[in-house]
Amino acid sequence: MASDIKDLVQRQFGANAAKYATSRPHAQGASLSRLVEMVSPQAAWNGLDIATGAGHTALAFAPHVRQMVASDLTVQMLHVARGLARERNVANVVFAVAQAEQLPFADASLDLVTCRIAPHHFVDVAQFVDEVRRVLRPGGVFGLVDNVSPDAQVIDASDDELKQAADAYNAFEKLRDPSHVRCLTLTEWTAVIDAAALRIREVELQDKSMAFATWADQMQASARTKDQLRQMVFSGSPALQAFMRPQRGNEDFAFTLVEALIVADRPR
């Protein structure tokens, strides 16, 4: 199961790596600059960005720290990230192939670990967060951004309605991208981080408007898949509709995803 998902991630993102260099939510999303503000990086820090993709998060932090390591499971993504670093004349980012759940870094060796819009592809999120804690020095900071599933902190609905909406939302994501595993809820994220003995410092939720056609095309969704995805949204439950807030346009439609921004640290 785990190896199958990782193979899917490598195939999906390897085939579409170049698109992530210019993907608006990844390259220019509001959560990127806000995460830097929330973390308050320091000039002497050594940092690691996990599942860096095209390197946008590592490159955003690089001007504020001594060095960033941009790591990813997919070699093609690292090629794209290297290219962006060269274009921007960023010299203090190095690159490494790494699995989020098995990081090739020493215990307590890093001041900062970041991960943005990626953990919904991870097979074992708890193990990933345990690894983050292991490689952080005491006092080191963890900055996380990921899409979340609906829960009571996002919309007002019954427990059953929230569970059904979360299942439907994750099915929607997985149909577009088979390497999708699951978006946790904000409640689940805080529980996982607490269980890893990291201390949560700050949490924010941020809406992210998505253009359906661009979002679907990023993973080369077929016309049939696009039709199925539209049907899932517009025939979805009231709770799913309240969460995704679809808005029809002339030829396309927009919908909303919710990102959680979480900053935690390893207690001294």
Protein backbone atom coordinates (compact mmCIF):
# COMPACT_ATOMS: atom_id res chain seq x y z
CA MET A 1 0.00 0.00 0.00
CA ALA A 2 2.63 2.54 1.09
CA SER A 3 4.97 1.71 -1.81
CA ASP A 4 2.05 1.85 -4.25
CA ILE A 5 1.12 5.35 -3.11
CA LYS A 6 4.73 6.54 -3.31
CA ASP A 7 5.01 5.12 -6.84
CA LEU A 8 1.83 6.99 -7.78
CA VAL A 9 3.20 10.22 -6.31
CA GLN A 10 6.39 9.87 -8.31
CA ARG A 11 4.51 9.12 -11.54
CA GLN A 12 1.88 11.84 -11.11
CA PHE A 13 4.23 14.60 -10.06
CA GLY A 14 7.08 13.48 -12.28
CA ALA A 15 4.81 13.78 -15.31
CA ASN A 16 3.47 17.18 -14.24
CA ALA A 17 6.51 18.67 -12.50
CA ALA A 18 7.01 21.64 -14.84
CA LYS A 19 3.46 22.87 -14.20
CA TYR A 20 4.23 23.43 -10.53
CA ALA A 21 6.83 26.09 -11.33
CA THR A 22 4.02 28.42 -12.39
CA SER A 23 1.07 26.98 -10.43
CA ARG A 24 -0.57 30.01 -8.81
CA PRO A 25 -1.62 28.33 -5.52
CA HIS A 26 1.87 26.88 -5.07
CA ALA A 27 3.98 29.77 -6.36
CA GLN A 28 1.93 32.76 -5.24
CA GLY A 29 -0.66 31.49 -2.78
CA ALA A 30 -1.25 33.78 0.18
CA SER A 31 -0.29 31.01 2.58
CA LEU A 32 3.32 31.15 1.37
CA SER A 33 4.13 34.68 2.51
CA ARG A 34 1.96 34.28 5.59
CA LEU A 35 3.84 31.15 6.68
CA VAL A 36 7.12 33.06 6.49
CA GLU A 37 5.59 35.81 8.67
CA MET A 38 4.23 33.32 11.21
CA VAL A 39 7.53 31.41 11.50
CA SER A 40 9.75 34.54 11.82
CA PRO A 41 12.88 32.78 10.47
CA GLN A 42 16.30 33.78 11.77
CA ALA A 43 19.47 34.44 9.77
CA ALA A 44 21.51 31.73 11.52
CA TRP A 45 18.97 28.94 10.95
CA ASN A 46 19.45 25.80 8.90
CA GLY A 47 16.12 24.65 7.46
CA LEU A 48 14.51 21.80 5.56
CA ASP A 49 11.50 21.94 3.27
CA ILE A 50 9.82 18.54 2.93
CA ALA A 51 8.03 17.57 -0.31
CA THR A 52 9.27 20.83 -1.79
CA GLY A 53 7.75 20.27 -5.24
CA ALA A 54 8.96 23.12 -7.44
CA GLY A 55 10.77 24.61 -4.45
CA HIS A 56 8.53 27.61 -3.79
CA THR A 57 8.55 27.28 0.00
CA ALA A 58 12.29 26.64 0.26
CA LEU A 59 12.95 29.64 -1.99
CA ALA A 60 10.63 31.86 0.06
CA PHE A 61 12.50 31.04 3.27
CA ALA A 62 16.01 31.09 1.76
CA PRO A 63 16.56 34.89 2.01
CA HIS A 64 15.83 34.75 5.74
CA VAL A 65 18.04 31.81 6.85
CA ARG A 66 21.58 30.49 6.49
CA GLN A 67 20.60 27.50 4.36
CA MET A 68 17.53 25.58 3.19
CA VAL A 69 17.47 21.98 2.06
CA ALA A 70 14.74 21.40 -0.52
CA SER A 71 13.75 17.72 -0.38
CA ASP A 72 11.29 15.71 -2.42
CA LEU A 73 10.50 12.11 -3.30
CA THR A 74 10.30 12.98 -7.01
CA VAL A 75 13.55 13.68 -8.84
CA GLN A 76 11.80 15.59 -11.65
CA MET A 77 10.43 18.03 -9.10
CA LEU A 78 13.91 18.66 -7.75
CA HIS A 79 15.12 19.42 -11.29
CA VAL A 80 12.39 22.07 -11.58
CA ALA A 81 13.26 23.49 -8.15
CA ARG A 82 16.96 23.72 -9.07
CA GLY A 83 16.01 25.58 -12.23
CA LEU A 84 13.94 28.11 -10.28
CA ALA A 85 16.79 28.61 -7.79
CA ARG A 86 19.18 29.33 -10.66
CA GLU A 87 16.72 31.75 -12.30
CA ARG A 88 16.38 33.66 -9.03
CA ASN A 89 20.11 33.53 -8.19
CA VAL A 90 19.41 31.79 -4.89
CA ALA A 91 22.63 30.15 -3.75
CA ASN A 92 21.78 28.92 -0.25
CA VAL A 93 19.34 26.16 -1.22
CA VAL A 94 20.59 22.60 -1.63
CA PHE A 95 18.55 19.65 -2.86
CA ALA A 96 17.96 16.13 -1.58
CA VAL A 97 15.80 13.14 -2.44
CA ALA A 98 13.93 12.17 0.73
CA GLN A 99 10.77 10.49 1.98
CA ALA A 100 8.73 12.52 4.44
CA GLU A 101 8.34 9.54 6.77
CA GLN A 102 12.03 8.62 6.72
CA LEU A 103 14.21 11.72 6.63
CA PRO A 104 17.95 11.27 5.99
CA PHE A 105 18.97 13.87 8.56
CA ALA A 106 20.51 13.54 12.01
CA ASP A 107 18.59 13.93 15.24
CA ALA A 108 18.25 17.53 16.48
CA SER A 109 20.17 18.88 13.47
CA LEU A 110 17.78 21.51 12.10
CA ASP A 111 16.38 24.84 13.26
CA LEU A 112 13.40 24.83 10.90
CA VAL A 113 11.27 22.29 9.06
CA THR A 114 8.57 23.37 6.63
CA CYS A 115 6.03 21.47 4.57
CA ARG A 116 3.39 23.12 2.40
CA ILE A 117 0.45 21.66 0.43
CA ALA A 118 1.88 18.14 0.50
CA PRO A 119 0.94 16.01 3.52
CA HIS A 120 -2.35 14.91 1.93
CA HIS A 121 -0.09 12.70 -0.23
CA PHE A 122 1.67 11.10 2.75
CA VAL A 123 0.89 7.51 3.70
CA ASP A 124 1.64 7.98 7.41
CA VAL A 125 1.16 11.55 8.63
CA ALA A 126 1.91 10.65 12.26
CA GLN A 127 5.26 9.16 11.28
CA PHE A 128 6.01 12.27 9.20
CA VAL A 129 5.38 14.54 12.19
CA ASP A 130 7.45 12.25 14.44
CA GLU A 131 10.30 12.61 11.95
CA VAL A 132 9.91 16.38 12.00
CA ARG A 133 10.29 16.36 15.77
CA ARG A 134 13.30 14.04 15.61
CA VAL A 135 15.30 16.25 13.25
CA LEU A 136 14.40 19.53 14.97
CA ARG A 137 16.70 20.79 17.66
CA PRO A 138 15.07 21.81 20.97
CA GLY A 139 13.51 25.18 20.24
CA GLY A 140 13.35 24.42 16.50
CA VAL A 141 10.26 25.43 14.54
CA PHE A 142 7.84 23.45 12.36
CA GLY A 143 5.83 25.39 9.77
CA LEU A 144 2.98 23.48 8.11
CA VAL A 145 0.40 24.33 5.45
CA ASP A 146 -2.07 21.86 4.01
CA ASN A 147 -5.59 21.66 2.69
CA VAL A 148 -7.98 20.40 5.36
CA SER A 149 -11.19 18.40 5.30
CA PRO A 150 -14.34 19.92 6.78
CA ASP A 151 -14.90 19.65 10.51
CA ALA A 152 -16.69 21.72 13.15
CA GLN A 153 -13.88 24.30 13.10
CA VAL A 154 -14.63 25.04 9.44
CA ILE A 155 -18.40 24.67 8.90
CA ASP A 156 -21.47 24.23 11.06
CA ALA A 157 -22.95 20.75 10.56
CA SER A 158 -23.65 17.59 12.51
CA ASP A 159 -20.92 15.02 13.10
CA ASP A 160 -22.46 12.65 10.56
CA GLU A 161 -22.80 15.41 7.98
CA LEU A 162 -19.20 16.48 8.53
CA LYS A 163 -17.90 12.93 8.14
CA GLN A 164 -19.86 12.42 4.93
CA ALA A 165 -18.67 15.77 3.57
CA ALA A 166 -15.05 14.96 4.45
CA ASP A 167 -15.29 11.57 2.72
CA ALA A 168 -16.88 13.18 -0.36
CA TYR A 169 -14.25 15.91 -0.49
CA ASN A 170 -11.39 13.41 -0.31
CA ALA A 171 -13.03 11.27 -3.00
CA PHE A 172 -13.21 14.40 -5.16
CA GLU A 173 -9.50 15.07 -4.65
CA LYS A 174 -8.55 11.43 -5.27
CA LEU A 175 -10.51 11.20 -8.51
CA ARG A 176 -8.53 14.12 -9.92
CA ASP A 177 -5.23 12.86 -8.47
CA PRO A 178 -4.95 9.14 -7.57
CA SER A 179 -1.86 9.86 -5.46
CA HIS A 180 -4.04 11.82 -3.01
CA VAL A 181 -4.31 9.95 0.29
CA ARG A 182 -6.36 12.14 2.62
CA CYS A 183 -6.66 15.70 3.86
CA LEU A 184 -6.83 15.68 7.64
CA THR A 185 -9.21 17.95 9.49
CA LEU A 186 -7.78 20.78 11.58
CA THR A 187 -8.77 18.84 14.71
CA GLU A 188 -6.83 15.81 13.48
CA TRP A 189 -3.78 17.93 12.67
CA THR A 190 -3.61 19.46 16.12
CA ALA A 191 -3.99 16.00 17.69
CA VAL A 192 -1.16 14.53 15.57
CA ILE A 193 1.16 17.44 16.38
CA ASP A 194 0.34 17.23 20.09
CA ALA A 195 0.97 13.47 20.05
CA ALA A 196 4.44 14.06 18.61
CA ALA A 197 5.27 16.28 21.62
CA LEU A 198 5.49 19.42 19.55
CA ARG A 199 4.01 22.60 20.99
CA ILE A 200 1.57 24.48 18.77
CA ARG A 201 2.27 28.22 18.75
CA GLU A 202 -0.18 29.54 16.17
CA VAL A 203 -2.98 28.28 13.93
CA GLU A 204 -4.81 30.01 11.09
CA LEU A 205 -7.35 28.95 8.49
CA GLN A 206 -7.19 30.53 5.06
CA ASP A 207 -9.59 30.22 2.12
CA LYS A 208 -8.09 29.42 -1.28
CA SER A 209 -10.19 30.04 -4.38
CA MET A 210 -9.60 27.53 -7.18
CA ALA A 211 -10.52 27.70 -10.88
CA PHE A 212 -11.82 24.22 -11.69
CA ALA A 213 -10.42 23.89 -15.23
CA THR A 214 -6.90 24.92 -14.22
CA TRP A 215 -7.01 22.69 -11.15
CA ALA A 216 -8.17 19.66 -13.15
CA ASP A 217 -5.78 20.25 -16.05
CA GLN A 218 -2.82 20.36 -13.69
CA MET A 219 -3.20 16.60 -13.30
CA GLN A 220 -4.26 16.00 -16.92
CA ALA A 221 -7.79 15.00 -15.94
CA SER A 222 -9.75 13.57 -18.87
CA ALA A 223 -13.02 15.09 -20.10
CA ARG A 224 -14.89 12.19 -18.51
CA THR A 225 -13.14 12.72 -15.18
CA LYS A 226 -13.92 16.45 -15.31
CA ASP A 227 -17.60 15.66 -15.82
CA GLN A 228 -17.53 13.32 -12.83
CA LEU A 229 -15.79 15.92 -10.70
CA ARG A 230 -18.36 18.59 -11.59
CA GLN A 231 -21.16 16.18 -10.73
CA MET A 232 -19.58 15.42 -7.36
CA VAL A 233 -19.48 19.10 -6.47
CA PHE A 234 -22.89 20.25 -7.67
CA SER A 235 -24.80 17.18 -6.52
CA GLY A 236 -22.97 17.05 -3.20
CA SER A 237 -24.55 17.31 0.22
CA PRO A 238 -25.40 20.69 1.77
CA ALA A 239 -22.36 20.30 4.04
CA LEU A 240 -20.05 19.65 1.09
CA GLN A 241 -21.52 22.63 -0.75
CA ALA A 242 -21.05 24.83 2.33
CA PHE A 243 -17.43 23.71 2.55
CA MET A 244 -16.49 24.04 -1.15
CA ARG A 245 -18.74 27.01 -2.02
CA PRO A 246 -18.91 26.33 -5.78
CA GLN A 247 -19.68 29.32 -8.02
CA ARG A 248 -20.68 28.81 -11.65
CA GLY A 249 -19.13 30.98 -14.35
CA ASN A 250 -19.73 31.23 -18.07
CA GLU A 251 -17.63 28.22 -19.07
CA ASP A 252 -15.94 27.22 -15.83
CA PHE A 253 -16.64 27.27 -12.12
CA ALA A 254 -14.71 28.20 -9.03
CA PHE A 255 -14.63 26.48 -5.67
CA THR A 256 -12.93 27.07 -2.36
CA LEU A 257 -10.41 24.97 -0.51
CA VAL A 258 -9.44 25.64 3.08
CA GLU A 259 -5.80 25.64 4.15
CA ALA A 260 -4.58 25.24 7.71
CA LEU A 261 -1.42 27.14 8.64
CA ILE A 262 0.17 25.74 11.77
CA VAL A 263 3.40 26.77 13.46
CA ALA A 264 4.75 24.59 16.26
CA ASP A 265 8.06 24.12 18.00
CA ARG A 266 10.01 21.41 19.78
CA PRO A 267 10.12 22.37 23.46
CA ARG A 268 13.54 23.00 24.94
